[in-house]
PDB file of N, CA and C in Angstrom:
ATOM      1  N   MET A   1      46.998  53.069 -41.509  1.00  0.00           N
ATOM      2  CA  MET A   1      47.224  52.588 -42.849  1.00  0.00           C
ATOM      3  C   MET A   1      47.411  51.077 -42.776  1.00  0.00           C
ATOM      4  N   ASN A   2      46.684  50.359 -43.598  1.00  0.00           N
ATOM      5  CA  ASN A   2      46.740  48.901 -43.585  1.00  0.00           C
ATOM      6  C   ASN A   2      47.240  48.407 -44.938  1.00  0.00           C
ATOM      7  N   LEU A   3      48.520  48.111 -45.017  1.00  0.00           N
ATOM      8  CA  LEU A   3      49.106  47.589 -46.252  1.00  0.00           C
ATOM      9  C   LEU A   3      49.446  46.129 -46.047  1.00  0.00           C
ATOM     10  N   LYS A   4      48.903  45.283 -46.879  1.00  0.00           N
ATOM     11  CA  LYS A   4      49.185  43.856 -46.787  1.00  0.00           C
ATOM     12  C   LYS A   4      50.185  43.473 -47.860  1.00  0.00           C
ATOM     13  N   PRO A   5      51.287  42.829 -47.481  1.00  0.00           N
ATOM     14  CA  PRO A   5      52.278  42.448 -48.492  1.00  0.00           C
ATOM     15  C   PRO A   5      51.768  41.342 -49.396  1.00  0.00           C
ATOM     16  N   THR A   6      52.175  41.404 -50.625  1.00  0.00           N
ATOM     17  CA  THR A   6      51.852  40.372 -51.596  1.00  0.00           C
ATOM     18  C   THR A   6      53.125  39.611 -51.903  1.00  0.00           C
ATOM     19  N   PRO A   7      53.093  38.280 -51.823  1.00  0.00           N
ATOM     20  CA  PRO A   7      54.320  37.537 -52.118  1.00  0.00           C
ATOM     21  C   PRO A   7      54.762  37.774 -53.553  1.00  0.00           C
ATOM     22  N   PRO A   8      56.066  37.756 -53.790  1.00  0.00           N
ATOM     23  CA  PRO A   8      56.560  37.972 -55.154  1.00  0.00           C
ATOM     24  C   PRO A   8      56.191  36.796 -56.048  1.00  0.00           C
ATOM     25  N   PRO A   9      56.080  37.054 -57.355  1.00  0.00           N
ATOM     26  CA  PRO A   9      55.773  35.955 -58.269  1.00  0.00           C
ATOM     27  C   PRO A   9      56.934  34.972 -58.340  1.00  0.00           C
ATOM     28  N   GLU A  10      56.614  33.745 -58.666  1.00  0.00           N
ATOM     29  CA  GLU A  10      57.666  32.743 -58.879  1.00  0.00           C
ATOM     30  C   GLU A  10      58.431  33.120 -60.142  1.00  0.00           C
ATOM     31  N   PRO A  11      59.745  33.038 -60.096  1.00  0.00           N
ATOM     32  CA  PRO A  11      60.498  33.364 -61.309  1.00  0.00           C
ATOM     33  C   PRO A  11      60.206  32.369 -62.411  1.00  0.00           C
ATOM     34  N   ASP A  12      59.972  32.885 -63.611  1.00  0.00           N
ATOM     35  CA  ASP A  12      59.676  32.009 -64.740  1.00  0.00           C
ATOM     36  C   ASP A  12      60.723  32.141 -65.835  1.00  0.00           C
ATOM     37  N   GLN A  13      61.830  32.760 -65.481  1.00  0.00           N
ATOM     38  CA  GLN A  13      62.900  32.870 -66.448  1.00  0.00           C
ATOM     39  C   GLN A  13      64.235  32.933 -65.714  1.00  0.00           C
ATOM     40  N   ALA A  14      65.296  32.679 -66.437  1.00  0.00           N
ATOM     41  CA  ALA A  14      66.637  32.714 -65.853  1.00  0.00           C
ATOM     42  C   ALA A  14      67.001  34.153 -65.502  1.00  0.00           C
ATOM     43  N   PRO A  15      67.863  34.346 -64.507  1.00  0.00           N
ATOM     44  CA  PRO A  15      68.302  35.700 -64.188  1.00  0.00           C
ATOM     45  C   PRO A  15      68.948  36.347 -65.402  1.00  0.00           C
ATOM     46  N   PRO A  16      68.793  37.664 -65.539  1.00  0.00           N
ATOM     47  CA  PRO A  16      69.389  38.340 -66.688  1.00  0.00           C
ATOM     48  C   PRO A  16      70.909  38.312 -66.614  1.00  0.00           C
ATOM     49  N   ASP A  17      71.527  38.555 -67.757  1.00  0.00           N
ATOM     50  CA  ASP A  17      72.987  38.558 -67.783  1.00  0.00           C
ATOM     51  C   ASP A  17      73.527  39.762 -67.007  1.00  0.00           C
ATOM     52  N   LYS A  18      74.839  39.771 -66.806  1.00  0.00           N
ATOM     53  CA  LYS A  18      75.464  40.789 -65.960  1.00  0.00           C
ATOM     54  C   LYS A  18      75.392  42.193 -66.546  1.00  0.00           C
ATOM     55  N   ASP A  19      75.053  42.336 -67.820  1.00  0.00           N
ATOM     56  CA  ASP A  19      74.902  43.668 -68.403  1.00  0.00           C
ATOM     57  C   ASP A  19      73.586  44.313 -67.988  1.00  0.00           C
ATOM     58  N   SER A  20      72.736  43.552 -67.303  1.00  0.00           N
ATOM     59  CA  SER A  20      71.430  44.074 -66.913  1.00  0.00           C
ATOM     60  C   SER A  20      71.538  45.273 -65.989  1.00  0.00           C
ATOM     61  N   SER A  21      72.508  45.265 -65.079  1.00  0.00           N
ATOM     62  CA  SER A  21      72.684  46.406 -64.181  1.00  0.00           C
ATOM     63  C   SER A  21      72.930  47.676 -64.981  1.00  0.00           C
ATOM     64  N   ASP A  22      73.707  47.568 -66.045  1.00  0.00           N
ATOM     65  CA  ASP A  22      73.950  48.724 -66.895  1.00  0.00           C
ATOM     66  C   ASP A  22      72.684  49.144 -67.629  1.00  0.00           C
ATOM     67  N   ARG A  23      71.875  48.156 -68.045  1.00  0.00           N
ATOM     68  CA  ARG A  23      70.614  48.497 -68.707  1.00  0.00           C
ATOM     69  C   ARG A  23      69.666  49.172 -67.725  1.00  0.00           C
ATOM     70  N   LEU A  24      69.604  48.660 -66.489  1.00  0.00           N
ATOM     71  CA  LEU A  24      68.770  49.306 -65.476  1.00  0.00           C
ATOM     72  C   LEU A  24      69.241  50.735 -65.228  1.00  0.00           C
ATOM     73  N   PHE A  25      70.558  50.907 -65.127  1.00  0.00           N
ATOM     74  CA  PHE A  25      71.097  52.240 -64.888  1.00  0.00           C
ATOM     75  C   PHE A  25      70.783  53.170 -66.048  1.00  0.00           C
ATOM     76  N   SER A  26      70.775  52.656 -67.258  1.00  0.00           N
ATOM     77  CA  SER A  26      70.467  53.519 -68.399  1.00  0.00           C
ATOM     78  C   SER A  26      69.037  54.058 -68.307  1.00  0.00           C
ATOM     79  N   ILE A  27      68.147  53.299 -67.673  1.00  0.00           N
ATOM     80  CA  ILE A  27      66.776  53.769 -67.466  1.00  0.00           C
ATOM     81  C   ILE A  27      66.723  54.722 -66.277  1.00  0.00           C
ATOM     82  N   LEU A  28      67.337  54.334 -65.163  1.00  0.00           N
ATOM     83  CA  LEU A  28      67.246  55.097 -63.921  1.00  0.00           C
ATOM     84  C   LEU A  28      68.225  56.257 -63.847  1.00  0.00           C
ATOM     85  N   GLY A  29      69.413  56.065 -64.360  1.00  0.00           N
ATOM     86  CA  GLY A  29      70.486  57.025 -64.163  1.00  0.00           C
ATOM     87  C   GLY A  29      70.227  58.405 -64.739  1.00  0.00           C
ATOM     88  N   ARG A  30      69.460  58.463 -65.781  1.00  0.00           N
ATOM     89  CA  ARG A  30      69.206  59.755 -66.408  1.00  0.00           C
ATOM     90  C   ARG A  30      68.259  60.616 -65.592  1.00  0.00           C
ATOM     91  N   SER A  31      67.389  59.983 -64.817  1.00  0.00           N
ATOM     92  CA  SER A  31      66.373  60.763 -64.120  1.00  0.00           C
ATOM     93  C   SER A  31      66.518  60.750 -62.613  1.00  0.00           C
ATOM     94  N   ALA A  32      67.166  59.748 -62.065  1.00  0.00           N
ATOM     95  CA  ALA A  32      67.244  59.629 -60.610  1.00  0.00           C
ATOM     96  C   ALA A  32      68.657  59.917 -60.124  1.00  0.00           C
ATOM     97  N   PRO A  33      68.797  60.804 -59.129  1.00  0.00           N
ATOM     98  CA  PRO A  33      70.128  61.075 -58.601  1.00  0.00           C
ATOM     99  C   PRO A  33      70.806  59.824 -58.050  1.00  0.00           C
ATOM    100  N   SER A  34      70.024  58.891 -57.556  1.00  0.00           N
ATOM    101  CA  SER A  34      70.582  57.658 -56.983  1.00  0.00           C
ATOM    102  C   SER A  34      70.424  56.490 -57.944  1.00  0.00           C
ATOM    103  N   GLY A  35      70.384  56.763 -59.227  1.00  0.00           N
ATOM    104  CA  GLY A  35      70.132  55.731 -60.224  1.00  0.00           C
ATOM    105  C   GLY A  35      71.099  54.574 -60.197  1.00  0.00           C
ATOM    106  N   ARG A  36      72.394  54.856 -60.030  1.00  0.00           N
ATOM    107  CA  ARG A  36      73.390  53.780 -60.026  1.00  0.00           C
ATOM    108  C   ARG A  36      73.169  52.859 -58.836  1.00  0.00           C
ATOM    109  N   LEU A  37      72.991  53.411 -57.634  1.00  0.00           N
ATOM    110  CA  LEU A  37      72.768  52.596 -56.436  1.00  0.00           C
ATOM    111  C   LEU A  37      71.471  51.802 -56.558  1.00  0.00           C
ATOM    112  N   THR A  38      70.426  52.439 -57.059  1.00  0.00           N
ATOM    113  CA  THR A  38      69.146  51.751 -57.232  1.00  0.00           C
ATOM    114  C   THR A  38      69.276  50.595 -58.210  1.00  0.00           C
ATOM    115  N   SER A  39      69.969  50.822 -59.327  1.00  0.00           N
ATOM    116  CA  SER A  39      70.108  49.750 -60.318  1.00  0.00           C
ATOM    117  C   SER A  39      70.956  48.609 -59.780  1.00  0.00           C
ATOM    118  N   GLU A  40      72.003  48.926 -59.003  1.00  0.00           N
ATOM    119  CA  GLU A  40      72.842  47.859 -58.440  1.00  0.00           C
ATOM    120  C   GLU A  40      72.090  47.035 -57.406  1.00  0.00           C
ATOM    121  N   LYS A  41      71.311  47.698 -56.536  1.00  0.00           N
ATOM    122  CA  LYS A  41      70.517  46.959 -55.542  1.00  0.00           C
ATOM    123  C   LYS A  41      69.459  46.100 -56.230  1.00  0.00           C
ATOM    124  N   THR A  42      68.824  46.668 -57.243  1.00  0.00           N
ATOM    125  CA  THR A  42      67.801  45.926 -57.969  1.00  0.00           C
ATOM    126  C   THR A  42      68.406  44.701 -58.633  1.00  0.00           C
ATOM    127  N   GLN A  43      69.556  44.887 -59.285  1.00  0.00           N
ATOM    128  CA  GLN A  43      70.193  43.763 -59.967  1.00  0.00           C
ATOM    129  C   GLN A  43      70.574  42.663 -58.986  1.00  0.00           C
ATOM    130  N   ARG A  44      71.056  43.041 -57.802  1.00  0.00           N
ATOM    131  CA  ARG A  44      71.422  42.047 -56.801  1.00  0.00           C
ATOM    132  C   ARG A  44      70.197  41.258 -56.344  1.00  0.00           C
ATOM    133  N   MET A  45      69.063  41.932 -56.176  1.00  0.00           N
ATOM    134  CA  MET A  45      67.837  41.234 -55.775  1.00  0.00           C
ATOM    135  C   MET A  45      67.368  40.280 -56.873  1.00  0.00           C
ATOM    136  N   VAL A  46      67.523  40.680 -58.118  1.00  0.00           N
ATOM    137  CA  VAL A  46      67.147  39.820 -59.244  1.00  0.00           C
ATOM    138  C   VAL A  46      68.063  38.600 -59.301  1.00  0.00           C
ATOM    139  N   ASP A  47      69.365  38.843 -59.220  1.00  0.00           N
ATOM    140  CA  ASP A  47      70.337  37.756 -59.341  1.00  0.00           C
ATOM    141  C   ASP A  47      70.295  36.796 -58.158  1.00  0.00           C
ATOM    142  N   GLU A  48      70.241  37.328 -56.948  1.00  0.00           N
ATOM    143  CA  GLU A  48      70.382  36.497 -55.762  1.00  0.00           C
ATOM    144  C   GLU A  48      69.065  36.149 -55.090  1.00  0.00           C
ATOM    145  N   GLY A  49      68.042  36.927 -55.326  1.00  0.00           N
ATOM    146  CA  GLY A  49      66.776  36.700 -54.640  1.00  0.00           C
ATOM    147  C   GLY A  49      65.683  36.118 -55.511  1.00  0.00           C
ATOM    148  N   GLY A  50      65.952  35.991 -56.818  1.00  0.00           N
ATOM    149  CA  GLY A  50      64.956  35.409 -57.715  1.00  0.00           C
ATOM    150  C   GLY A  50      63.812  36.343 -58.074  1.00  0.00           C
ATOM    151  N   TYR A  51      63.989  37.641 -57.848  1.00  0.00           N
ATOM    152  CA  TYR A  51      62.934  38.604 -58.168  1.00  0.00           C
ATOM    153  C   TYR A  51      63.016  39.027 -59.629  1.00  0.00           C
ATOM    154  N   GLN A  52      61.926  39.613 -60.115  1.00  0.00           N
ATOM    155  CA  GLN A  52      61.863  40.175 -61.459  1.00  0.00           C
ATOM    156  C   GLN A  52      61.392  41.618 -61.355  1.00  0.00           C
ATOM    157  N   VAL A  53      61.829  42.440 -62.273  1.00  0.00           N
ATOM    158  CA  VAL A  53      61.316  43.808 -62.345  1.00  0.00           C
ATOM    159  C   VAL A  53      59.947  43.744 -63.001  1.00  0.00           C
ATOM    160  N   THR A  54      58.932  44.183 -62.268  1.00  0.00           N
ATOM    161  CA  THR A  54      57.564  44.164 -62.803  1.00  0.00           C
ATOM    162  C   THR A  54      56.940  45.543 -62.826  1.00  0.00           C
ATOM    163  N   GLY A  55      57.696  46.549 -62.394  1.00  0.00           N
ATOM    164  CA  GLY A  55      57.146  47.892 -62.368  1.00  0.00           C
ATOM    165  C   GLY A  55      58.193  48.924 -62.021  1.00  0.00           C
ATOM    166  N   PHE A  56      57.715  50.115 -61.689  1.00  0.00           N
ATOM    167  CA  PHE A  56      58.590  51.238 -61.389  1.00  0.00           C
ATOM    168  C   PHE A  56      57.977  52.092 -60.296  1.00  0.00           C
ATOM    169  N   VAL A  57      58.817  52.878 -59.653  1.00  0.00           N
ATOM    170  CA  VAL A  57      58.372  53.924 -58.738  1.00  0.00           C
ATOM    171  C   VAL A  57      58.734  55.243 -59.407  1.00  0.00           C
ATOM    172  N   ILE A  58      57.746  56.131 -59.510  1.00  0.00           N
ATOM    173  CA  ILE A  58      57.973  57.430 -60.133  1.00  0.00           C
ATOM    174  C   ILE A  58      57.677  58.526 -59.105  1.00  0.00           C
ATOM    175  N   THR A  59      58.417  59.623 -59.202  1.00  0.00           N
ATOM    176  CA  THR A  59      58.259  60.738 -58.267  1.00  0.00           C
ATOM    177  C   THR A  59      58.197  62.029 -59.066  1.00  0.00           C
ATOM    178  N   ASN A  60      57.259  62.904 -58.719  1.00  0.00           N
ATOM    179  CA  ASN A  60      57.199  64.184 -59.424  1.00  0.00           C
ATOM    180  C   ASN A  60      57.895  65.281 -58.625  1.00  0.00           C
ATOM    181  N   HIS A  61      57.986  66.455 -59.196  1.00  0.00           N
ATOM    182  CA  HIS A  61      58.724  67.560 -58.571  1.00  0.00           C
ATOM    183  C   HIS A  61      58.063  68.072 -57.295  1.00  0.00           C
ATOM    184  N   LEU A  62      56.817  67.711 -57.051  1.00  0.00           N
ATOM    185  CA  LEU A  62      56.114  68.118 -55.830  1.00  0.00           C
ATOM    186  C   LEU A  62      56.203  67.066 -54.732  1.00  0.00           C
ATOM    187  N   GLY A  63      56.855  65.938 -55.017  1.00  0.00           N
ATOM    188  CA  GLY A  63      56.994  64.879 -54.027  1.00  0.00           C
ATOM    189  C   GLY A  63      55.928  63.810 -54.102  1.00  0.00           C
ATOM    190  N   GLY A  64      55.021  63.902 -55.069  1.00  0.00           N
ATOM    191  CA  GLY A  64      54.026  62.845 -55.268  1.00  0.00           C
ATOM    192  C   GLY A  64      54.702  61.599 -55.822  1.00  0.00           C
ATOM    193  N   ILE A  65      54.236  60.448 -55.388  1.00  0.00           N
ATOM    194  CA  ILE A  65      54.890  59.194 -55.759  1.00  0.00           C
ATOM    195  C   ILE A  65      53.859  58.241 -56.334  1.00  0.00           C
ATOM    196  N   GLY A  66      54.229  57.564 -57.403  1.00  0.00           N
ATOM    197  CA  GLY A  66      53.400  56.524 -57.990  1.00  0.00           C
ATOM    198  C   GLY A  66      54.178  55.226 -58.031  1.00  0.00           C
ATOM    199  N   ILE A  67      53.559  54.169 -57.540  1.00  0.00           N
ATOM    200  CA  ILE A  67      54.149  52.838 -57.635  1.00  0.00           C
ATOM    201  C   ILE A  67      53.350  52.105 -58.708  1.00  0.00           C
ATOM    202  N   VAL A  68      54.019  51.736 -59.785  1.00  0.00           N
ATOM    203  CA  VAL A  68      53.384  51.071 -60.914  1.00  0.00           C
ATOM    204  C   VAL A  68      53.871  49.628 -60.925  1.00  0.00           C
ATOM    205  N   ASP A  69      52.940  48.680 -60.806  1.00  0.00           N
ATOM    206  CA  ASP A  69      53.296  47.260 -60.847  1.00  0.00           C
ATOM    207  C   ASP A  69      52.267  46.538 -61.700  1.00  0.00           C
ATOM    208  N   LYS A  70      52.724  46.058 -62.835  1.00  0.00           N
ATOM    209  CA  LYS A  70      51.853  45.434 -63.833  1.00  0.00           C
ATOM    210  C   LYS A  70      50.749  46.434 -64.176  1.00  0.00           C
ATOM    211  N   SER A  71      49.496  46.112 -63.967  1.00  0.00           N
ATOM    212  CA  SER A  71      48.427  47.037 -64.351  1.00  0.00           C
ATOM    213  C   SER A  71      47.937  47.898 -63.196  1.00  0.00           C
ATOM    214  N   ALA A  72      48.542  47.769 -62.026  1.00  0.00           N
ATOM    215  CA  ALA A  72      48.097  48.529 -60.858  1.00  0.00           C
ATOM    216  C   ALA A  72      48.989  49.736 -60.605  1.00  0.00           C
ATOM    217  N   VAL A  73      48.383  50.806 -60.113  1.00  0.00           N
ATOM    218  CA  VAL A  73      49.114  52.002 -59.717  1.00  0.00           C
ATOM    219  C   VAL A  73      48.639  52.404 -58.328  1.00  0.00           C
ATOM    220  N   ARG A  74      49.579  52.711 -57.448  1.00  0.00           N
ATOM    221  CA  ARG A  74      49.259  53.216 -56.108  1.00  0.00           C
ATOM    222  C   ARG A  74      49.905  54.585 -55.979  1.00  0.00           C
ATOM    223  N   TRP A  75      49.103  55.586 -55.633  1.00  0.00           N
ATOM    224  CA  TRP A  75      49.602  56.951 -55.464  1.00  0.00           C
ATOM    225  C   TRP A  75      49.833  57.217 -53.986  1.00  0.00           C
ATOM    226  N   LEU A  76      50.983  57.781 -53.649  1.00  0.00           N
ATOM    227  CA  LEU A  76      51.338  58.063 -52.263  1.00  0.00           C
ATOM    228  C   LEU A  76      51.869  59.491 -52.132  1.00  0.00           C
ATOM    229  N   THR A  77      51.666  60.051 -50.946  1.00  0.00           N
ATOM    230  CA  THR A  77      52.332  61.309 -50.621  1.00  0.00           C
ATOM    231  C   THR A  77      53.745  60.980 -50.160  1.00  0.00           C
ATOM    232  N   GLY A  78      54.568  61.978 -50.037  1.00  0.00           N
ATOM    233  CA  GLY A  78      55.915  61.762 -49.521  1.00  0.00           C
ATOM    234  C   GLY A  78      55.898  61.171 -48.117  1.00  0.00           C
ATOM    235  N   ASP A  79      54.973  61.638 -47.280  1.00  0.00           N
ATOM    236  CA  ASP A  79      54.868  61.112 -45.910  1.00  0.00           C
ATOM    237  C   ASP A  79      54.446  59.643 -45.909  1.00  0.00           C
ATOM    238  N   GLU A  80      53.527  59.269 -46.785  1.00  0.00           N
ATOM    239  CA  GLU A  80      53.104  57.871 -46.863  1.00  0.00           C
ATOM    240  C   GLU A  80      54.246  56.980 -47.339  1.00  0.00           C
ATOM    241  N   MET A  81      55.026  57.474 -48.294  1.00  0.00           N
ATOM    242  CA  MET A  81      56.161  56.698 -48.778  1.00  0.00           C
ATOM    243  C   MET A  81      57.211  56.544 -47.678  1.00  0.00           C
ATOM    244  N   TRP A  82      57.448  57.613 -46.915  1.00  0.00           N
ATOM    245  CA  TRP A  82      58.396  57.533 -45.801  1.00  0.00           C
ATOM    246  C   TRP A  82      57.933  56.452 -44.823  1.00  0.00           C
ATOM    247  N   TRP A  83      56.641  56.474 -44.484  1.00  0.00           N
ATOM    248  CA  TRP A  83      56.098  55.472 -43.565  1.00  0.00           C
ATOM    249  C   TRP A  83      56.321  54.064 -44.128  1.00  0.00           C
ATOM    250  N   LEU A  84      56.008  53.872 -45.393  1.00  0.00           N
ATOM    251  CA  LEU A  84      56.144  52.560 -46.022  1.00  0.00           C
ATOM    252  C   LEU A  84      57.590  52.072 -46.019  1.00  0.00           C
ATOM    253  N   MET A  85      58.509  52.942 -46.353  1.00  0.00           N
ATOM    254  CA  MET A  85      59.909  52.538 -46.511  1.00  0.00           C
ATOM    255  C   MET A  85      60.705  52.521 -45.212  1.00  0.00           C
ATOM    256  N   HIS A  86      60.242  53.245 -44.183  1.00  0.00           N
ATOM    257  CA  HIS A  86      61.036  53.369 -42.963  1.00  0.00           C
ATOM    258  C   HIS A  86      60.297  52.909 -41.699  1.00  0.00           C
ATOM    259  N   ASP A  87      59.088  53.404 -41.488  1.00  0.00           N
ATOM    260  CA  ASP A  87      58.375  53.120 -40.240  1.00  0.00           C
ATOM    261  C   ASP A  87      57.663  51.779 -40.230  1.00  0.00           C
ATOM    262  N   SER A  88      57.384  51.226 -41.370  1.00  0.00           N
ATOM    263  CA  SER A  88      56.628  49.969 -41.455  1.00  0.00           C
ATOM    264  C   SER A  88      57.561  48.789 -41.680  1.00  0.00           C
ATOM    265  N   ALA A  89      58.673  48.771 -41.002  1.00  0.00           N
ATOM    266  CA  ALA A  89      59.739  47.797 -41.255  1.00  0.00           C
ATOM    267  C   ALA A  89      59.294  46.341 -41.172  1.00  0.00           C
ATOM    268  N   GLN A  90      58.258  46.038 -40.431  1.00  0.00           N
ATOM    269  CA  GLN A  90      57.854  44.641 -40.265  1.00  0.00           C
ATOM    270  C   GLN A  90      57.007  44.126 -41.432  1.00  0.00           C
ATOM    271  N   ILE A  91      56.451  45.015 -42.236  1.00  0.00           N
ATOM    272  CA  ILE A  91      55.657  44.584 -43.386  1.00  0.00           C
ATOM    273  C   ILE A  91      56.581  43.908 -44.396  1.00  0.00           C
ATOM    274  N   GLY A  92      56.250  42.693 -44.771  1.00  0.00           N
ATOM    275  CA  GLY A  92      57.016  41.969 -45.772  1.00  0.00           C
ATOM    276  C   GLY A  92      58.332  41.405 -45.282  1.00  0.00           C
ATOM    277  N   LYS A  93      58.610  41.513 -43.993  1.00  0.00           N
ATOM    278  CA  LYS A  93      59.905  41.056 -43.449  1.00  0.00           C
ATOM    279  C   LYS A  93      60.168  39.589 -43.785  1.00  0.00           C
ATOM    280  N   SER A  94      59.135  38.747 -43.742  1.00  0.00           N
ATOM    281  CA  SER A  94      59.336  37.323 -44.018  1.00  0.00           C
ATOM    282  C   SER A  94      59.653  37.061 -45.494  1.00  0.00           C
ATOM    283  N   LEU A  95      59.385  38.026 -46.371  1.00  0.00           N
ATOM    284  CA  LEU A  95      59.651  37.866 -47.799  1.00  0.00           C
ATOM    285  C   LEU A  95      61.004  38.414 -48.200  1.00  0.00           C
ATOM    286  N   GLN A  96      61.662  39.122 -47.292  1.00  0.00           N
ATOM    287  CA  GLN A  96      62.903  39.803 -47.622  1.00  0.00           C
ATOM    288  C   GLN A  96      64.015  38.814 -47.900  1.00  0.00           C
ATOM    289  N   PRO A  97      64.617  38.908 -49.094  1.00  0.00           N
ATOM    290  CA  PRO A  97      65.736  37.999 -49.399  1.00  0.00           C
ATOM    291  C   PRO A  97      66.982  38.411 -48.632  1.00  0.00           C
ATOM    292  N   ASN A  98      67.903  37.527 -48.529  1.00  0.00           N
ATOM    293  CA  ASN A  98      69.162  37.775 -47.842  1.00  0.00           C
ATOM    294  C   ASN A  98      70.169  38.422 -48.772  1.00  0.00           C
ATOM    295  N   VAL A  99      69.827  39.541 -49.372  1.00  0.00           N
ATOM    296  CA  VAL A  99      70.746  40.218 -50.294  1.00  0.00           C
ATOM    297  C   VAL A  99      71.031  41.629 -49.835  1.00  0.00           C
TER     298      VAL A  99
END
């Protein structure tokens, strides 16, 4: 599998206010068991790393995963997602913020 990292876009707006974590949780918390942790990590990356939310990761009951970013969608199996998130640790390492 050959995945090439894409650098994040330059931020073009100020970081959202501190209520944003609660807004993120309101989207994630209803459907994801780890919604609170996901929203807190996301908010920290936005606040401290200059990132913006540009998409979502969705998972169905069979373990199929879709990564939606702007107009692009990438479909992955559970095994491919595991590889991406765990085994491919060096991909994007130079882009990782210190958060």
